Amino acid sequence: LRVALHGADPRERSAAEHLIACFCRGNPDGQITLASTIAPVAGPSGGPDATPDTFGGELVCALVSSGSSSASAASGAAGGYGG
């Protein structure tokens, strides 16, 4: 997920997004695994700038951070999810 959100190379970001989408598309177990990591958790420092500790937590943070390139990349990756 971090490569999809923050990778320097556009091809690498695209490949990471594709990998995430392929893992979740048509894979109920993968979707459940991802959903189970979305619960809000405190980051290592617990402060306002704390980094989420889970894949789902990081995805949600990227989706809700408005106006950032991370939000745009996350919404693109999230758009590939579904059963």
N, C-alpha and C. Protein backbone atom coordinates (compact mmCIF):
# COMPACT_ATOMS: atom_id res chain seq x y z
N LEU A 1 0.83 -1.19 0.00
CA LEU A 1 0.00 0.00 0.00
C LEU A 1 0.87 1.25 0.00
N ARG A 2 1.95 1.22 0.75
CA ARG A 2 2.82 2.41 0.80
C ARG A 2 3.42 2.72 -0.56
N VAL A 3 3.74 1.68 -1.33
CA VAL A 3 4.27 1.92 -2.68
C VAL A 3 3.18 2.52 -3.55
N ALA A 4 1.95 2.01 -3.45
CA ALA A 4 0.84 2.55 -4.24
C ALA A 4 0.57 4.02 -3.89
N LEU A 5 0.74 4.37 -2.62
CA LEU A 5 0.46 5.73 -2.18
C LEU A 5 1.63 6.68 -2.35
N HIS A 6 2.84 6.19 -2.13
CA HIS A 6 3.98 7.09 -2.03
C HIS A 6 5.14 6.76 -2.98
N GLY A 7 5.01 5.75 -3.81
CA GLY A 7 6.11 5.35 -4.68
C GLY A 7 6.52 6.47 -5.62
N ALA A 8 7.81 6.57 -5.88
CA ALA A 8 8.33 7.62 -6.75
C ALA A 8 8.07 7.33 -8.23
N ASP A 9 8.07 6.07 -8.59
CA ASP A 9 7.91 5.67 -9.99
C ASP A 9 6.43 5.40 -10.29
N PRO A 10 5.84 6.10 -11.26
CA PRO A 10 4.43 5.88 -11.59
C PRO A 10 4.11 4.43 -11.97
N ARG A 11 5.03 3.76 -12.65
CA ARG A 11 4.79 2.36 -13.02
C ARG A 11 4.76 1.47 -11.79
N GLU A 12 5.62 1.75 -10.84
CA GLU A 12 5.65 0.98 -9.60
C GLU A 12 4.36 1.21 -8.81
N ARG A 13 3.89 2.46 -8.74
CA ARG A 13 2.62 2.76 -8.06
C ARG A 13 1.46 2.03 -8.73
N SER A 14 1.44 2.06 -10.04
CA SER A 14 0.37 1.40 -10.79
C SER A 14 0.38 -0.11 -10.55
N ALA A 15 1.57 -0.69 -10.55
CA ALA A 15 1.69 -2.13 -10.30
C ALA A 15 1.23 -2.49 -8.89
N ALA A 16 1.56 -1.64 -7.92
CA ALA A 16 1.14 -1.90 -6.54
C ALA A 16 -0.37 -1.79 -6.41
N GLU A 17 -0.99 -0.80 -7.05
CA GLU A 17 -2.45 -0.67 -7.04
C GLU A 17 -3.09 -1.90 -7.66
N HIS A 18 -2.53 -2.36 -8.78
CA HIS A 18 -3.07 -3.54 -9.46
C HIS A 18 -2.96 -4.78 -8.57
N LEU A 19 -1.87 -4.93 -7.87
CA LEU A 19 -1.68 -6.07 -6.98
C LEU A 19 -2.73 -6.07 -5.87
N ILE A 20 -2.98 -4.91 -5.28
CA ILE A 20 -3.98 -4.80 -4.21
C ILE A 20 -5.37 -5.14 -4.76
N ALA A 21 -5.70 -4.59 -5.92
CA ALA A 21 -7.01 -4.86 -6.53
C ALA A 21 -7.17 -6.34 -6.86
N CYS A 22 -6.14 -6.96 -7.41
CA CYS A 22 -6.21 -8.39 -7.75
C CYS A 22 -6.37 -9.25 -6.51
N PHE A 23 -5.74 -8.86 -5.42
CA PHE A 23 -5.86 -9.63 -4.18
C PHE A 23 -7.29 -9.61 -3.67
N CYS A 24 -7.97 -8.47 -3.79
CA CYS A 24 -9.30 -8.32 -3.21
C CYS A 24 -10.44 -8.68 -4.16
N ARG A 25 -10.24 -8.50 -5.44
CA ARG A 25 -11.32 -8.76 -6.41
C ARG A 25 -11.64 -10.24 -6.46
N GLY A 26 -12.90 -10.58 -6.16
CA GLY A 26 -13.33 -11.97 -6.22
C GLY A 26 -12.73 -12.83 -5.13
N ASN A 27 -12.20 -12.23 -4.08
CA ASN A 27 -11.53 -12.96 -3.01
C ASN A 27 -12.17 -12.57 -1.68
N PRO A 28 -13.27 -13.23 -1.31
CA PRO A 28 -13.95 -12.87 -0.06
C PRO A 28 -13.03 -12.92 1.15
N ASP A 29 -12.13 -13.89 1.20
CA ASP A 29 -11.21 -13.96 2.34
C ASP A 29 -10.28 -12.76 2.37
N GLY A 30 -9.80 -12.33 1.21
CA GLY A 30 -8.94 -11.14 1.14
C GLY A 30 -9.70 -9.89 1.54
N GLN A 31 -10.95 -9.79 1.11
CA GLN A 31 -11.77 -8.64 1.47
C GLN A 31 -12.03 -8.60 2.97
N ILE A 32 -12.30 -9.75 3.57
CA ILE A 32 -12.51 -9.82 5.02
C ILE A 32 -11.23 -9.46 5.75
N THR A 33 -10.11 -9.95 5.26
CA THR A 33 -8.83 -9.63 5.88
C THR A 33 -8.58 -8.13 5.85
N LEU A 34 -8.81 -7.50 4.71
CA LEU A 34 -8.63 -6.05 4.61
C LEU A 34 -9.61 -5.33 5.53
N ALA A 35 -10.87 -5.71 5.49
CA ALA A 35 -11.89 -5.05 6.32
C ALA A 35 -11.56 -5.17 7.80
N SER A 36 -10.98 -6.28 8.20
CA SER A 36 -10.67 -6.47 9.62
C SER A 36 -9.56 -5.54 10.11
N THR A 37 -8.83 -4.93 9.19
CA THR A 37 -7.75 -4.01 9.58
C THR A 37 -8.17 -2.55 9.55
N ILE A 38 -9.44 -2.27 9.22
CA ILE A 38 -9.90 -0.90 9.09
C ILE A 38 -10.27 -0.26 10.43
N ALA A 39 -10.51 -1.06 11.45
CA ALA A 39 -10.88 -0.52 12.76
C ALA A 39 -9.88 0.53 13.19
N PRO A 40 -10.36 1.65 13.75
CA PRO A 40 -9.43 2.71 14.17
C PRO A 40 -8.49 2.22 15.26
N VAL A 41 -7.22 2.49 15.03
CA VAL A 41 -6.20 2.13 16.01
C VAL A 41 -5.27 3.32 16.16
N ALA A 42 -4.71 3.46 17.32
CA ALA A 42 -3.74 4.54 17.55
C ALA A 42 -2.43 4.17 16.89
N GLY A 43 -1.76 5.17 16.37
CA GLY A 43 -0.44 4.96 15.81
C GLY A 43 0.57 4.74 16.91
N PRO A 44 1.83 4.50 16.55
CA PRO A 44 2.85 4.21 17.55
C PRO A 44 3.00 5.29 18.61
N SER A 45 2.86 6.55 18.22
CA SER A 45 3.02 7.62 19.21
C SER A 45 1.68 8.07 19.77
N GLY A 46 0.58 7.70 19.10
CA GLY A 46 -0.74 8.07 19.55
C GLY A 46 -1.09 9.52 19.30
N GLY A 47 -0.18 10.31 18.75
CA GLY A 47 -0.42 11.73 18.51
C GLY A 47 -1.20 11.95 17.23
N PRO A 48 -1.53 13.21 16.94
CA PRO A 48 -2.33 13.51 15.75
C PRO A 48 -1.63 13.17 14.43
N ASP A 49 -0.31 13.16 14.42
CA ASP A 49 0.42 12.84 13.20
C ASP A 49 0.89 11.39 13.17
N ALA A 50 0.32 10.56 14.04
CA ALA A 50 0.74 9.16 14.13
C ALA A 50 0.36 8.42 12.84
N THR A 51 1.22 7.52 12.42
CA THR A 51 0.98 6.69 11.25
C THR A 51 0.17 5.48 11.66
N PRO A 52 -0.88 5.13 10.90
CA PRO A 52 -1.67 3.95 11.25
C PRO A 52 -0.80 2.69 11.24
N ASP A 53 -1.18 1.75 12.09
CA ASP A 53 -0.40 0.52 12.23
C ASP A 53 -0.88 -0.59 11.31
N THR A 54 -2.02 -0.41 10.64
CA THR A 54 -2.57 -1.48 9.82
C THR A 54 -2.76 -1.02 8.38
N PHE A 55 -2.86 -1.99 7.49
CA PHE A 55 -3.11 -1.73 6.08
C PHE A 55 -4.41 -0.94 5.92
N GLY A 56 -5.48 -1.42 6.53
CA GLY A 56 -6.77 -0.76 6.41
C GLY A 56 -6.76 0.63 7.02
N GLY A 57 -6.08 0.78 8.15
CA GLY A 57 -5.98 2.09 8.78
C GLY A 57 -5.27 3.09 7.89
N GLU A 58 -4.21 2.63 7.25
CA GLU A 58 -3.47 3.52 6.34
C GLU A 58 -4.32 3.87 5.11
N LEU A 59 -5.07 2.90 4.60
CA LEU A 59 -5.93 3.14 3.45
C LEU A 59 -7.00 4.17 3.81
N VAL A 60 -7.65 4.01 4.96
CA VAL A 60 -8.68 4.96 5.37
C VAL A 60 -8.09 6.35 5.55
N CYS A 61 -6.94 6.46 6.20
CA CYS A 61 -6.30 7.77 6.39
C CYS A 61 -6.02 8.43 5.04
N ALA A 62 -5.57 7.65 4.06
CA ALA A 62 -5.28 8.20 2.74
C ALA A 62 -6.57 8.64 2.05
N LEU A 63 -7.65 7.88 2.24
CA LEU A 63 -8.91 8.22 1.60
C LEU A 63 -9.54 9.49 2.19
N VAL A 64 -9.36 9.71 3.48
CA VAL A 64 -9.99 10.86 4.11
C VAL A 64 -9.12 12.12 4.09
N SER A 65 -7.85 11.99 3.71
CA SER A 65 -7.01 13.19 3.63
C SER A 65 -7.33 13.89 2.31
N SER A 66 -8.08 14.97 2.40
CA SER A 66 -8.59 15.64 1.20
C SER A 66 -7.49 16.41 0.46
N GLY A 67 -7.60 16.37 -0.85
CA GLY A 67 -6.72 17.17 -1.68
C GLY A 67 -5.30 16.65 -1.82
N SER A 68 -5.02 15.45 -1.35
CA SER A 68 -3.64 14.96 -1.45
C SER A 68 -3.53 13.95 -2.58
N SER A 69 -2.32 13.77 -3.07
CA SER A 69 -2.10 12.75 -4.09
C SER A 69 -2.28 11.37 -3.50
N SER A 70 -2.05 11.21 -2.19
CA SER A 70 -2.27 9.93 -1.54
C SER A 70 -3.74 9.57 -1.58
N ALA A 71 -4.62 10.53 -1.37
CA ALA A 71 -6.06 10.28 -1.40
C ALA A 71 -6.48 9.84 -2.80
N SER A 72 -5.91 10.49 -3.80
CA SER A 72 -6.25 10.14 -5.18
C SER A 72 -5.78 8.73 -5.50
N ALA A 73 -4.57 8.38 -5.09
CA ALA A 73 -4.05 7.04 -5.34
C ALA A 73 -4.85 5.99 -4.57
N ALA A 74 -5.21 6.30 -3.34
CA ALA A 74 -5.96 5.36 -2.52
C ALA A 74 -7.34 5.13 -3.10
N SER A 75 -8.00 6.18 -3.59
CA SER A 75 -9.32 5.99 -4.14
C SER A 75 -9.23 5.18 -5.43
N GLY A 76 -8.17 5.33 -6.18
CA GLY A 76 -7.98 4.51 -7.37
C GLY A 76 -7.78 3.06 -7.02
N ALA A 77 -6.99 2.78 -6.00
CA ALA A 77 -6.77 1.41 -5.56
C ALA A 77 -8.04 0.84 -4.96
N ALA A 78 -8.75 1.63 -4.17
CA ALA A 78 -9.97 1.15 -3.53
C ALA A 78 -11.06 0.88 -4.55
N GLY A 79 -11.04 1.58 -5.67
CA GLY A 79 -12.05 1.37 -6.70
C GLY A 79 -11.98 -0.01 -7.30
N GLY A 80 -10.86 -0.67 -7.19
CA GLY A 80 -10.72 -2.03 -7.73
C GLY A 80 -11.26 -3.09 -6.82
N TYR A 81 -11.66 -2.72 -5.60
CA TYR A 81 -12.14 -3.72 -4.65
C TYR A 81 -13.60 -4.01 -4.92
N GLY A 82 -13.99 -5.21 -4.58
CA GLY A 82 -15.40 -5.57 -4.71
C GLY A 82 -15.53 -7.04 -4.98
N GLY A 83 -16.68 -7.58 -4.67
CA GLY A 83 -16.89 -9.02 -4.79
C GLY A 83 -17.54 -9.43 -6.01
